[in-house]
Structure formats: structure tokens, C-alpha cells
């Protein structure tokens, strides 16, 4: 019975620690990753499919470190992802007048 109580206490303490970590650190990091991937996908899509510049040139347009973001390109879309694809955004070329827009999930 003591083992069960100890296990329950450990689970509660672990749950509180995970909740605090989410509230004070991880939640902001996930929000930043969502913004960064959306911005990156839209900017690289416009650079590649509207301005028709090479990928290496497009990546130099960013003023912040984007080394953690992975860009995957298909015919008319660009997908930006971080954390192994857990957070990602996709932009697609809409037309000649409208450029690229984000694709809603």
C-alpha cells in the first residue's frame, strides 16, 4: 500500500512539474514556432515562386536565425517545419496577381 501511495505522489508531482513547464516555457516556444514557420513559409514561397529566386538567395533575406526551420518545396507550395514536423505551416502560390498565401489546416 505504501508503494501505491508513493507512486501516486510521484505522479502528482510529475504532473505539476509538467504543467508548470508548459505554462512558463513550452507554451511560448510553441507559439513562437507557429509564427516563425508561417512567416518563413510565406516569405520563401513568395521568394521562390513569385520573384523566382534560388533557395539560397531566399534564405539570406531573414534577419533572425532560421537554422532550426526546415523548408520543403513542391511545384507551387513551400512547407516550413520545426521539431521534426510537429509544428509546420504551408504556403501556396495563389495566382500571378496575389502571390503566395498560407494554407489553412
Protein backbone atom coordinates (compact mmCIF):
# COMPACT_ATOMS: atom_id res chain seq x y z
CA UNK A 1 0.00 0.00 0.00
CA UNK A 2 2.89 2.36 0.75
CA UNK A 3 4.25 1.72 -2.73
CA UNK A 4 0.94 2.72 -4.31
CA UNK A 5 0.81 5.95 -2.28
CA UNK A 6 4.41 6.78 -3.20
CA UNK A 7 3.67 6.13 -6.86
CA UNK A 8 0.59 8.36 -6.71
CA UNK A 9 2.57 11.18 -5.07
CA UNK A 10 5.31 10.89 -7.69
CA UNK A 11 2.69 11.07 -10.47
CA UNK A 12 1.08 14.17 -8.95
CA UNK A 13 4.43 15.92 -8.50
CA UNK A 14 5.42 15.00 -12.05
CA UNK A 15 2.10 16.28 -13.37
CA UNK A 16 2.54 19.60 -11.57
CA UNK A 17 6.10 19.93 -12.90
CA UNK A 18 4.97 19.26 -16.47
CA UNK A 19 2.12 21.76 -16.09
CA UNK A 20 4.47 24.44 -14.81
CA UNK A 21 6.99 23.76 -17.58
CA UNK A 22 4.21 24.10 -20.18
CA UNK A 23 2.85 27.30 -18.65
CA UNK A 24 6.13 29.14 -18.21
CA UNK A 25 8.34 27.83 -21.02
CA UNK A 26 6.93 25.46 -23.62
CA UNK A 27 3.73 27.34 -24.44
CA UNK A 28 5.70 30.40 -25.56
CA UNK A 29 8.13 28.28 -27.57
CA UNK A 30 5.31 26.54 -29.44
CA UNK A 31 3.64 29.90 -30.18
CA UNK A 32 6.95 31.27 -31.48
CA UNK A 33 7.43 28.17 -33.65
CA UNK A 34 3.96 28.58 -35.16
CA UNK A 35 4.63 32.21 -36.03
CA UNK A 36 8.12 31.50 -37.36
CA UNK A 37 7.01 28.65 -39.63
CA UNK A 38 4.06 30.64 -41.01
CA UNK A 39 6.24 33.67 -41.73
CA UNK A 40 9.01 31.52 -43.19
CA UNK A 41 6.70 29.52 -45.46
CA UNK A 42 5.03 32.64 -46.84
CA UNK A 43 8.29 34.53 -47.39
CA UNK A 44 10.12 31.64 -49.04
CA UNK A 45 7.10 30.82 -51.22
CA UNK A 46 6.94 34.42 -52.44
CA UNK A 47 10.68 34.50 -53.00
CA UNK A 48 10.76 31.21 -54.91
CA UNK A 49 7.51 31.28 -56.88
CA UNK A 50 6.85 35.00 -57.39
CA UNK A 51 10.34 36.50 -57.53
CA UNK A 52 11.75 33.21 -58.94
CA UNK A 53 14.96 33.47 -56.94
CA UNK A 54 17.09 30.47 -55.87
CA UNK A 55 16.54 29.00 -52.41
CA UNK A 56 19.98 30.06 -51.17
CA UNK A 57 19.17 33.68 -52.01
CA UNK A 58 15.77 33.45 -50.29
CA UNK A 59 17.28 32.18 -47.04
CA UNK A 60 19.55 35.22 -46.81
CA UNK A 61 16.51 37.55 -46.58
CA UNK A 62 15.85 36.62 -42.95
CA UNK A 63 17.33 38.85 -40.24
CA UNK A 64 16.98 36.21 -37.49
CA UNK A 65 18.46 32.72 -37.15
CA UNK A 66 16.26 30.28 -39.09
CA UNK A 67 18.64 27.33 -38.91
CA UNK A 68 16.07 25.26 -36.99
CA UNK A 69 13.40 25.66 -39.69
CA UNK A 70 13.28 23.09 -42.48
CA UNK A 71 11.85 24.17 -45.83
CA UNK A 72 10.36 21.61 -48.23
CA UNK A 73 9.35 22.75 -51.68
CA UNK A 74 6.99 21.22 -54.24
CA UNK A 75 5.68 22.58 -57.55
CA UNK A 76 3.82 25.59 -56.12
CA UNK A 77 3.98 25.15 -52.34
CA UNK A 78 6.55 25.64 -49.61
CA UNK A 79 6.28 23.88 -46.25
CA UNK A 80 8.23 25.17 -43.24
CA UNK A 81 8.56 22.92 -40.21
CA UNK A 82 10.37 22.66 -36.89
CA UNK A 83 10.67 20.00 -34.21
CA UNK A 84 10.65 17.20 -36.74
CA UNK A 85 7.39 18.36 -38.30
CA UNK A 86 5.42 18.76 -35.07
CA UNK A 87 4.90 22.44 -35.88
CA UNK A 88 4.57 23.34 -39.55
CA UNK A 89 2.97 25.77 -41.97
CA UNK A 90 2.43 25.68 -45.70
CA UNK A 91 2.13 28.47 -48.27
CA UNK A 92 0.90 28.07 -51.84
CA UNK A 93 1.17 30.28 -54.89
CA UNK A 94 -2.35 31.61 -55.41
CA UNK A 95 -2.00 33.35 -58.73
CA UNK A 96 0.02 35.90 -60.64
CA UNK A 97 -1.68 38.89 -59.01
CA UNK A 98 -2.00 37.59 -55.46
CA UNK A 99 1.35 35.89 -54.87
CA UNK A 100 1.54 33.31 -52.08
CA UNK A 101 -0.91 32.72 -49.25
CA UNK A 102 -0.87 30.47 -46.21
CA UNK A 103 -2.82 27.24 -46.45
CA UNK A 104 -5.24 26.68 -43.58
CA UNK A 105 -5.01 23.35 -41.84
